[in-house]
C-alpha atoms as a PDB file:
ATOM      1  CA  MET A   1      -6.640 -47.174 -27.330  1.00  0.00           C
ATOM      2  CA  PRO A   2      -7.234 -44.162 -25.019  1.00  0.00           C
ATOM      3  CA  ILE A   3      -5.862 -40.783 -26.031  1.00  0.00           C
ATOM      4  CA  LYS A   4      -2.958 -39.323 -24.068  1.00  0.00           C
ATOM      5  CA  THR A   5      -3.711 -36.067 -22.274  1.00  0.00           C
ATOM      6  CA  GLN A   6      -1.444 -33.366 -20.905  1.00  0.00           C
ATOM      7  CA  LYS A   7      -3.524 -32.589 -17.796  1.00  0.00           C
ATOM      8  CA  ASN A   8      -6.078 -34.398 -15.665  1.00  0.00           C
ATOM      9  CA  SER A   9      -8.956 -32.064 -16.405  1.00  0.00           C
ATOM     10  CA  ILE A  10     -10.942 -30.483 -19.197  1.00  0.00           C
ATOM     11  CA  ASP A  11     -11.626 -26.916 -20.243  1.00  0.00           C
ATOM     12  CA  ILE A  12     -15.052 -25.730 -21.327  1.00  0.00           C
ATOM     13  CA  GLY A  13     -16.049 -22.663 -23.348  1.00  0.00           C
ATOM     14  CA  ILE A  14     -19.302 -20.807 -22.706  1.00  0.00           C
ATOM     15  CA  ILE A  15     -20.337 -18.158 -25.216  1.00  0.00           C
ATOM     16  CA  ALA A  16     -22.153 -15.517 -23.160  1.00  0.00           C
ATOM     17  CA  LYS A  17     -25.254 -13.552 -24.117  1.00  0.00           C
ATOM     18  CA  ASP A  18     -24.743 -11.087 -21.234  1.00  0.00           C
ATOM     19  CA  ILE A  19     -21.065 -11.040 -20.304  1.00  0.00           C
ATOM     20  CA  ASP A  20     -21.466  -8.751 -17.295  1.00  0.00           C
ATOM     21  CA  ALA A  21     -24.110 -10.980 -15.695  1.00  0.00           C
ATOM     22  CA  MET A  22     -22.065 -14.092 -16.439  1.00  0.00           C
ATOM     23  CA  LEU A  23     -18.899 -12.610 -14.886  1.00  0.00           C
ATOM     24  CA  ILE A  24     -20.793 -11.680 -11.727  1.00  0.00           C
ATOM     25  CA  PHE A  25     -22.189 -15.222 -11.512  1.00  0.00           C
ATOM     26  CA  TYR A  26     -18.963 -17.162 -12.079  1.00  0.00           C
ATOM     27  CA  ARG A  27     -16.600 -14.759 -10.287  1.00  0.00           C
ATOM     28  CA  ASP A  28     -18.736 -13.407  -7.445  1.00  0.00           C
ATOM     29  CA  ALA A  29     -21.591 -15.865  -6.768  1.00  0.00           C
ATOM     30  CA  LEU A  30     -19.619 -19.084  -7.386  1.00  0.00           C
ATOM     31  CA  GLY A  31     -16.334 -17.522  -6.298  1.00  0.00           C
ATOM     32  CA  LEU A  32     -14.202 -18.943  -9.112  1.00  0.00           C
ATOM     33  CA  ASP A  33     -10.717 -17.461  -9.533  1.00  0.00           C
ATOM     34  CA  LEU A  34     -10.290 -15.319 -12.653  1.00  0.00           C
ATOM     35  CA  GLU A  35      -7.030 -16.552 -14.168  1.00  0.00           C
ATOM     36  CA  ALA A  36      -6.837 -14.198 -17.163  1.00  0.00           C
ATOM     37  CA  THR A  37      -8.777 -12.003 -19.549  1.00  0.00           C
ATOM     38  CA  ILE A  38      -7.504 -12.245 -23.109  1.00  0.00           C
ATOM     39  CA  PRO A  39      -8.607 -11.046 -26.558  1.00  0.00           C
ATOM     40  CA  MET A  40     -10.160 -13.616 -28.903  1.00  0.00           C
ATOM     41  CA  PRO A  41      -8.854 -14.014 -32.454  1.00  0.00           C
ATOM     42  CA  GLY A  42     -11.466 -12.559 -34.783  1.00  0.00           C
ATOM     43  CA  GLY A  43     -13.048 -10.345 -32.099  1.00  0.00           C
ATOM     44  CA  GLY A  44     -14.207 -10.686 -28.543  1.00  0.00           C
ATOM     45  CA  THR A  45     -12.827 -11.421 -25.102  1.00  0.00           C
ATOM     46  CA  MET A  46     -12.216 -14.627 -23.138  1.00  0.00           C
ATOM     47  CA  HIS A  47     -12.380 -14.650 -19.338  1.00  0.00           C
ATOM     48  CA  ARG A  48     -10.620 -17.751 -17.952  1.00  0.00           C
ATOM     49  CA  PHE A  49     -11.770 -19.057 -14.564  1.00  0.00           C
ATOM     50  CA  LYS A  50      -9.828 -21.778 -12.718  1.00  0.00           C
ATOM     51  CA  VAL A  51     -11.673 -24.749 -11.194  1.00  0.00           C
ATOM     52  CA  GLY A  52      -8.943 -27.028  -9.879  1.00  0.00           C
ATOM     53  CA  ASP A  53      -6.902 -27.923 -12.961  1.00  0.00           C
ATOM     54  CA  SER A  54      -9.839 -27.155 -15.275  1.00  0.00           C
ATOM     55  CA  VAL A  55     -10.599 -23.834 -16.953  1.00  0.00           C
ATOM     56  CA  ILE A  56     -14.052 -22.372 -17.561  1.00  0.00           C
ATOM     57  CA  LYS A  57     -13.800 -19.967 -20.493  1.00  0.00           C
ATOM     58  CA  VAL A  58     -16.596 -17.374 -20.458  1.00  0.00           C
ATOM     59  CA  ILE A  59     -16.479 -15.657 -23.821  1.00  0.00           C
ATOM     60  CA  GLN A  60     -18.009 -12.547 -25.329  1.00  0.00           C
ATOM     61  CA  LEU A  61     -17.780 -12.580 -29.118  1.00  0.00           C
ATOM     62  CA  ASP A  62     -17.728  -9.490 -31.312  1.00  0.00           C
ATOM     63  CA  PRO A  63     -19.810  -9.694 -33.372  1.00  0.00           C
ATOM     64  CA  PRO A  64     -22.162 -11.862 -31.266  1.00  0.00           C
ATOM     65  CA  PRO A  65     -23.363 -15.268 -32.513  1.00  0.00           C
ATOM     66  CA  THR A  66     -26.351 -15.321 -34.861  1.00  0.00           C
ATOM     67  CA  SER A  67     -28.338 -17.890 -32.836  1.00  0.00           C
ATOM     68  CA  GLU A  68     -28.731 -19.109 -29.263  1.00  0.00           C
ATOM     69  CA  ALA A  69     -28.698 -22.565 -27.683  1.00  0.00           C
ATOM     70  CA  LYS A  70     -31.879 -23.570 -25.916  1.00  0.00           C
ATOM     71  CA  PRO A  71     -31.356 -22.999 -22.161  1.00  0.00           C
ATOM     72  CA  GLY A  72     -32.250 -25.527 -19.492  1.00  0.00           C
ATOM     73  CA  GLY A  73     -31.252 -28.945 -18.313  1.00  0.00           C
ATOM     74  CA  ILE A  74     -31.147 -32.476 -19.627  1.00  0.00           C
ATOM     75  CA  ARG A  75     -34.799 -32.746 -20.678  1.00  0.00           C
ATOM     76  CA  THR A  76     -34.777 -29.539 -22.753  1.00  0.00           C
ATOM     77  CA  ALA A  77     -32.631 -30.428 -25.762  1.00  0.00           C
ATOM     78  CA  SER A  78     -29.841 -32.688 -26.969  1.00  0.00           C
ATOM     79  CA  GLY A  79     -26.171 -31.742 -26.915  1.00  0.00           C
ATOM     80  CA  TYR A  80     -24.140 -30.366 -24.025  1.00  0.00           C
ATOM     81  CA  ARG A  81     -26.636 -29.677 -21.255  1.00  0.00           C
ATOM     82  CA  TYR A  82     -24.563 -29.286 -18.083  1.00  0.00           C
ATOM     83  CA  TRP A  83     -21.124 -29.651 -16.551  1.00  0.00           C
ATOM     84  CA  THR A  84     -20.045 -30.585 -13.029  1.00  0.00           C
ATOM     85  CA  ILE A  85     -18.015 -29.016 -10.228  1.00  0.00           C
ATOM     86  CA  HIS A  86     -17.090 -31.307  -7.315  1.00  0.00           C
ATOM     87  CA  VAL A  87     -17.432 -29.432  -4.001  1.00  0.00           C
ATOM     88  CA  PRO A  88     -16.785 -30.427  -0.376  1.00  0.00           C
ATOM     89  CA  ASP A  89     -19.766 -28.434   1.025  1.00  0.00           C
ATOM     90  CA  LEU A  90     -22.752 -28.775  -1.304  1.00  0.00           C
ATOM     91  CA  GLU A  91     -25.238 -27.158   1.084  1.00  0.00           C
ATOM     92  CA  GLY A  92     -22.922 -24.193   1.632  1.00  0.00           C
ATOM     93  CA  VAL A  93     -22.339 -23.580  -2.082  1.00  0.00           C
ATOM     94  CA  VAL A  94     -26.060 -23.890  -2.877  1.00  0.00           C
ATOM     95  CA  ARG A  95     -26.873 -21.436  -0.071  1.00  0.00           C
ATOM     96  CA  GLN A  96     -24.173 -19.003  -1.285  1.00  0.00           C
ATOM     97  CA  VAL A  97     -25.449 -19.015  -4.875  1.00  0.00           C
ATOM     98  CA  THR A  98     -29.171 -18.867  -4.060  1.00  0.00           C
ATOM     99  CA  GLU A  99     -28.642 -16.076  -1.499  1.00  0.00           C
ATOM    100  CA  ALA A 100     -26.930 -14.161  -4.318  1.00  0.00           C
ATOM    101  CA  GLY A 101     -30.238 -14.434  -6.220  1.00  0.00           C
ATOM    102  CA  TYR A 102     -29.511 -17.252  -8.655  1.00  0.00           C
ATOM    103  CA  LYS A 103     -31.921 -20.028  -9.588  1.00  0.00           C
ATOM    104  CA  LEU A 104     -31.643 -23.478  -8.089  1.00  0.00           C
ATOM    105  CA  ALA A 105     -32.656 -25.552 -11.108  1.00  0.00           C
ATOM    106  CA  ALA A 106     -32.800 -28.837  -9.153  1.00  0.00           C
ATOM    107  CA  PRO A 107     -32.559 -29.058  -5.345  1.00  0.00           C
ATOM    108  CA  ILE A 108     -30.040 -31.094  -3.411  1.00  0.00           C
ATOM    109  CA  ARG A 109     -30.701 -34.813  -3.611  1.00  0.00           C
ATOM    110  CA  THR A 110     -28.804 -38.000  -2.952  1.00  0.00           C
ATOM    111  CA  ILE A 111     -28.308 -39.979  -6.164  1.00  0.00           C
ATOM    112  CA  ARG A 112     -26.518 -42.913  -4.532  1.00  0.00           C
ATOM    113  CA  GLU A 113     -24.974 -43.588  -1.166  1.00  0.00           C
ATOM    114  CA  GLY A 114     -22.408 -40.910  -0.397  1.00  0.00           C
ATOM    115  CA  VAL A 115     -23.119 -38.806  -3.504  1.00  0.00           C
ATOM    116  CA  SER A 116     -25.379 -35.744  -3.508  1.00  0.00           C
ATOM    117  CA  ILE A 117     -26.015 -33.270  -6.310  1.00  0.00           C
ATOM    118  CA  ALA A 118     -27.839 -30.036  -7.072  1.00  0.00           C
ATOM    119  CA  PHE A 119     -28.118 -27.969 -10.245  1.00  0.00           C
ATOM    120  CA  ILE A 120     -27.853 -24.189 -10.450  1.00  0.00           C
ATOM    121  CA  GLU A 121     -28.595 -22.013 -13.462  1.00  0.00           C
ATOM    122  CA  ASP A 122     -26.293 -19.274 -14.712  1.00  0.00           C
ATOM    123  CA  PRO A 123     -27.716 -16.012 -16.129  1.00  0.00           C
ATOM    124  CA  ASP A 124     -27.770 -17.424 -19.680  1.00  0.00           C
ATOM    125  CA  GLY A 125     -29.750 -20.506 -18.581  1.00  0.00           C
ATOM    126  CA  ASN A 126     -26.822 -22.958 -18.609  1.00  0.00           C
ATOM    127  CA  TRP A 127     -26.939 -25.599 -15.881  1.00  0.00           C
ATOM    128  CA  VAL A 128     -24.022 -26.269 -13.542  1.00  0.00           C
ATOM    129  CA  GLU A 129     -24.134 -29.461 -11.502  1.00  0.00           C
ATOM    130  CA  LEU A 130     -22.645 -29.276  -8.017  1.00  0.00           C
ATOM    131  CA  LEU A 131     -21.611 -32.697  -6.688  1.00  0.00           C
ATOM    132  CA  GLU A 132     -20.423 -33.723  -3.223  1.00  0.00           C
ATOM    133  CA  ASN A 133     -18.852 -37.083  -2.392  1.00  0.00           C
ATOM    134  CA  SER A 134     -19.092 -37.741   1.338  1.00  0.00           C
END
């Protein structure tokens, strides 16, 4: 039996190594709306970015974590490797992010009729998939 949910989206938490670089990427390069900045229980700060009904939580912990996840895409390690944002103008978003100096981890390609994707890399090496349905 499927679980019942209260909204048609998910939230994701990203623990940042370099919070300033991550805020510039998600707020300025991707252009996500900063919903709130709130203190974290136990120390640190959460920056909540809206993506439709979803929330991307970019978090700086104090003290910082004792280890790091291996950066890179799906062939680098097991576990969570990327997440997806659906966009209406894939070429425009890729151009915007790469012109801001960020790495295109995988170029635009069509994966099936009417569906194209690209992967970009945030400053901590996390991959974000951009997907356009035409």
